[in-house]
C-alpha atoms as a PDB file:
ATOM      1  CA  UNK A   1       0.000   0.000   0.000  1.00  0.00           C
ATOM      2  CA  UNK A   2       3.019   2.287  -0.317  1.00  0.00           C
ATOM      3  CA  UNK A   3       2.023   3.135  -3.875  1.00  0.00           C
ATOM      4  CA  UNK A   4      -0.999   5.525  -4.194  1.00  0.00           C
ATOM      5  CA  UNK A   5      -2.211   3.484  -7.188  1.00  0.00           C
ATOM      6  CA  UNK A   6      -2.476   0.476  -4.870  1.00  0.00           C
ATOM      7  CA  UNK A   7      -4.872   2.447  -2.645  1.00  0.00           C
ATOM      8  CA  UNK A   8      -7.181   3.173  -5.597  1.00  0.00           C
ATOM      9  CA  UNK A   9      -6.961  -0.421  -6.716  1.00  0.00           C
ATOM     10  CA  UNK A  10      -7.614  -1.637  -3.203  1.00  0.00           C
ATOM     11  CA  UNK A  11     -10.644   0.652  -2.870  1.00  0.00           C
ATOM     12  CA  UNK A  12     -12.113  -0.942  -5.994  1.00  0.00           C
ATOM     13  CA  UNK A  13     -11.414  -4.384  -4.564  1.00  0.00           C
ATOM     14  CA  UNK A  14     -12.914  -3.375  -1.217  1.00  0.00           C
ATOM     15  CA  UNK A  15     -16.085  -2.206  -2.972  1.00  0.00           C
ATOM     16  CA  UNK A  16     -16.380  -5.528  -4.810  1.00  0.00           C
ATOM     17  CA  UNK A  17     -15.788  -7.470  -1.600  1.00  0.00           C
ATOM     18  CA  UNK A  18     -18.462  -5.397   0.139  1.00  0.00           C
ATOM     19  CA  UNK A  19     -20.923  -6.190  -2.662  1.00  0.00           C
ATOM     20  CA  UNK A  20     -20.040  -9.882  -2.520  1.00  0.00           C
ATOM     21  CA  UNK A  21     -20.571 -10.206   1.230  1.00  0.00           C
ATOM     22  CA  UNK A  22     -23.593  -7.921   1.435  1.00  0.00           C
ATOM     23  CA  UNK A  23     -25.308  -9.942  -1.288  1.00  0.00           C
ATOM     24  CA  UNK A  24     -24.485 -13.177   0.519  1.00  0.00           C
ATOM     25  CA  UNK A  25     -25.616 -11.789   3.889  1.00  0.00           C
ATOM     26  CA  UNK A  26     -29.354 -12.286   3.366  1.00  0.00           C
ATOM     27  CA  UNK A  27     -30.745 -15.458   5.021  1.00  0.00           C
ATOM     28  CA  UNK A  28     -32.706 -16.647   1.968  1.00  0.00           C
ATOM     29  CA  UNK A  29     -29.646 -16.210  -0.242  1.00  0.00           C
ATOM     30  CA  UNK A  30     -27.526 -18.138   2.241  1.00  0.00           C
ATOM     31  CA  UNK A  31     -30.025 -20.990   2.010  1.00  0.00           C
ATOM     32  CA  UNK A  32     -29.931 -20.855  -1.798  1.00  0.00           C
ATOM     33  CA  UNK A  33     -26.130 -20.880  -1.787  1.00  0.00           C
ATOM     34  CA  UNK A  34     -26.213 -23.813   0.616  1.00  0.00           C
ATOM     35  CA  UNK A  35     -28.470 -25.764  -1.723  1.00  0.00           C
ATOM     36  CA  UNK A  36     -26.402 -24.860  -4.785  1.00  0.00           C
ATOM     37  CA  UNK A  37     -23.259 -25.979  -2.991  1.00  0.00           C
ATOM     38  CA  UNK A  38     -24.634 -29.509  -3.461  1.00  0.00           C
ATOM     39  CA  UNK A  39     -25.326 -29.311  -7.205  1.00  0.00           C
ATOM     40  CA  UNK A  40     -27.323 -27.759 -10.042  1.00  0.00           C
ATOM     41  CA  UNK A  41     -31.021 -26.968  -9.686  1.00  0.00           C
ATOM     42  CA  UNK A  42     -33.814 -25.357 -11.689  1.00  0.00           C
ATOM     43  CA  UNK A  43     -35.837 -22.493 -10.237  1.00  0.00           C
ATOM     44  CA  UNK A  44     -38.720 -24.911  -9.677  1.00  0.00           C
ATOM     45  CA  UNK A  45     -36.494 -27.381  -7.809  1.00  0.00           C
ATOM     46  CA  UNK A  46     -35.061 -24.607  -5.631  1.00  0.00           C
ATOM     47  CA  UNK A  47     -38.555 -23.282  -4.911  1.00  0.00           C
ATOM     48  CA  UNK A  48     -39.764 -26.742  -3.899  1.00  0.00           C
ATOM     49  CA  UNK A  49     -36.725 -27.429  -1.697  1.00  0.00           C
ATOM     50  CA  UNK A  50     -37.054 -24.067   0.042  1.00  0.00           C
ATOM     51  CA  UNK A  51     -40.858 -23.846   0.178  1.00  0.00           C
ATOM     52  CA  UNK A  52     -40.844 -20.556  -1.734  1.00  0.00           C
ATOM     53  CA  UNK A  53     -42.581 -19.287  -4.838  1.00  0.00           C
ATOM     54  CA  UNK A  54     -40.728 -19.522  -8.124  1.00  0.00           C
ATOM     55  CA  UNK A  55     -41.022 -15.745  -8.450  1.00  0.00           C
ATOM     56  CA  UNK A  56     -39.317 -15.174  -5.088  1.00  0.00           C
ATOM     57  CA  UNK A  57     -36.543 -17.621  -5.966  1.00  0.00           C
ATOM     58  CA  UNK A  58     -36.049 -15.999  -9.378  1.00  0.00           C
ATOM     59  CA  UNK A  59     -35.683 -12.600  -7.744  1.00  0.00           C
ATOM     60  CA  UNK A  60     -33.024 -13.870  -5.332  1.00  0.00           C
ATOM     61  CA  UNK A  61     -31.180 -15.698  -8.118  1.00  0.00           C
ATOM     62  CA  UNK A  62     -31.142 -12.491 -10.170  1.00  0.00           C
ATOM     63  CA  UNK A  63     -29.409 -10.663  -7.318  1.00  0.00           C
ATOM     64  CA  UNK A  64     -26.958 -13.526  -6.839  1.00  0.00           C
ATOM     65  CA  UNK A  65     -26.225 -13.568 -10.589  1.00  0.00           C
ATOM     66  CA  UNK A  66     -25.650  -9.801 -10.663  1.00  0.00           C
ATOM     67  CA  UNK A  67     -22.985 -10.262  -7.983  1.00  0.00           C
ATOM     68  CA  UNK A  68     -21.448 -13.191  -9.895  1.00  0.00           C
ATOM     69  CA  UNK A  69     -22.226 -15.633  -7.098  1.00  0.00           C
ATOM     70  CA  UNK A  70     -24.294 -17.980  -9.238  1.00  0.00           C
ATOM     71  CA  UNK A  71     -24.646 -18.771 -12.915  1.00  0.00           C
ATOM     72  CA  UNK A  72     -26.927 -20.944 -14.996  1.00  0.00           C
ATOM     73  CA  UNK A  73     -26.404 -23.563 -17.626  1.00  0.00           C
ATOM     74  CA  UNK A  74     -29.130 -24.038 -20.197  1.00  0.00           C
ATOM     75  CA  UNK A  75     -30.024 -27.633 -21.017  1.00  0.00           C
ATOM     76  CA  UNK A  76     -32.770 -27.761 -23.608  1.00  0.00           C
ATOM     77  CA  UNK A  77     -35.394 -25.317 -22.396  1.00  0.00           C
ATOM     78  CA  UNK A  78     -34.366 -25.549 -18.727  1.00  0.00           C
ATOM     79  CA  UNK A  79     -31.921 -23.379 -16.814  1.00  0.00           C
ATOM     80  CA  UNK A  80     -29.895 -25.097 -14.114  1.00  0.00           C
ATOM     81  CA  UNK A  81     -28.396 -22.779 -11.514  1.00  0.00           C
ATOM     82  CA  UNK A  82     -25.100 -23.473  -9.807  1.00  0.00           C
ATOM     83  CA  UNK A  83     -22.429 -21.625  -7.868  1.00  0.00           C
ATOM     84  CA  UNK A  84     -20.458 -19.343 -10.179  1.00  0.00           C
ATOM     85  CA  UNK A  85     -17.141 -21.048  -9.531  1.00  0.00           C
ATOM     86  CA  UNK A  86     -14.987 -22.882  -7.033  1.00  0.00           C
ATOM     87  CA  UNK A  87     -14.103 -19.615  -5.260  1.00  0.00           C
ATOM     88  CA  UNK A  88     -17.729 -19.038  -4.278  1.00  0.00           C
ATOM     89  CA  UNK A  89     -17.987 -22.589  -2.977  1.00  0.00           C
ATOM     90  CA  UNK A  90     -14.781 -22.112  -0.989  1.00  0.00           C
ATOM     91  CA  UNK A  91     -15.912 -18.767   0.490  1.00  0.00           C
ATOM     92  CA  UNK A  92     -19.208 -20.351   1.525  1.00  0.00           C
ATOM     93  CA  UNK A  93     -17.521 -23.478   2.913  1.00  0.00           C
ATOM     94  CA  UNK A  94     -15.016 -21.438   4.928  1.00  0.00           C
ATOM     95  CA  UNK A  95     -17.796 -19.262   6.353  1.00  0.00           C
ATOM     96  CA  UNK A  96     -19.712 -22.355   7.473  1.00  0.00           C
ATOM     97  CA  UNK A  97     -16.551 -23.881   8.935  1.00  0.00           C
ATOM     98  CA  UNK A  98     -15.735 -20.648  10.786  1.00  0.00           C
ATOM     99  CA  UNK A  99     -19.210 -20.361  12.311  1.00  0.00           C
ATOM    100  CA  UNK A 100     -19.295 -24.030  13.309  1.00  0.00           C
ATOM    101  CA  UNK A 101     -15.887 -23.710  14.951  1.00  0.00           C
ATOM    102  CA  UNK A 102     -16.984 -20.576  16.785  1.00  0.00           C
ATOM    103  CA  UNK A 103     -20.079 -22.410  18.032  1.00  0.00           C
ATOM    104  CA  UNK A 104     -18.121 -25.557  18.941  1.00  0.00           C
ATOM    105  CA  UNK A 105     -20.431 -27.338  16.515  1.00  0.00           C
ATOM    106  CA  UNK A 106     -19.338 -30.787  15.425  1.00  0.00           C
END
């Protein structure tokens, strides 16, 4: 951080990190990320698993997509949602591990 350019760069990174964590920090989105950490699902499958309307799930997935936390793969006329990449899985996994450790949860 000795270089002033690094500070500007770091501010941009900080803003992206803030967006990432603030998007993740909503309980319904955490549940969706948890489900997607196990595989690919359609909106209907997510809605059924979470006892939510498809519209509500679609809205949450849109926000997660805009923050590059999830993506979809089209197979025929169906869209299957999954975590955007291994980094998102790892961030989620580490957060769960941290909380469990803090709670002395086995």
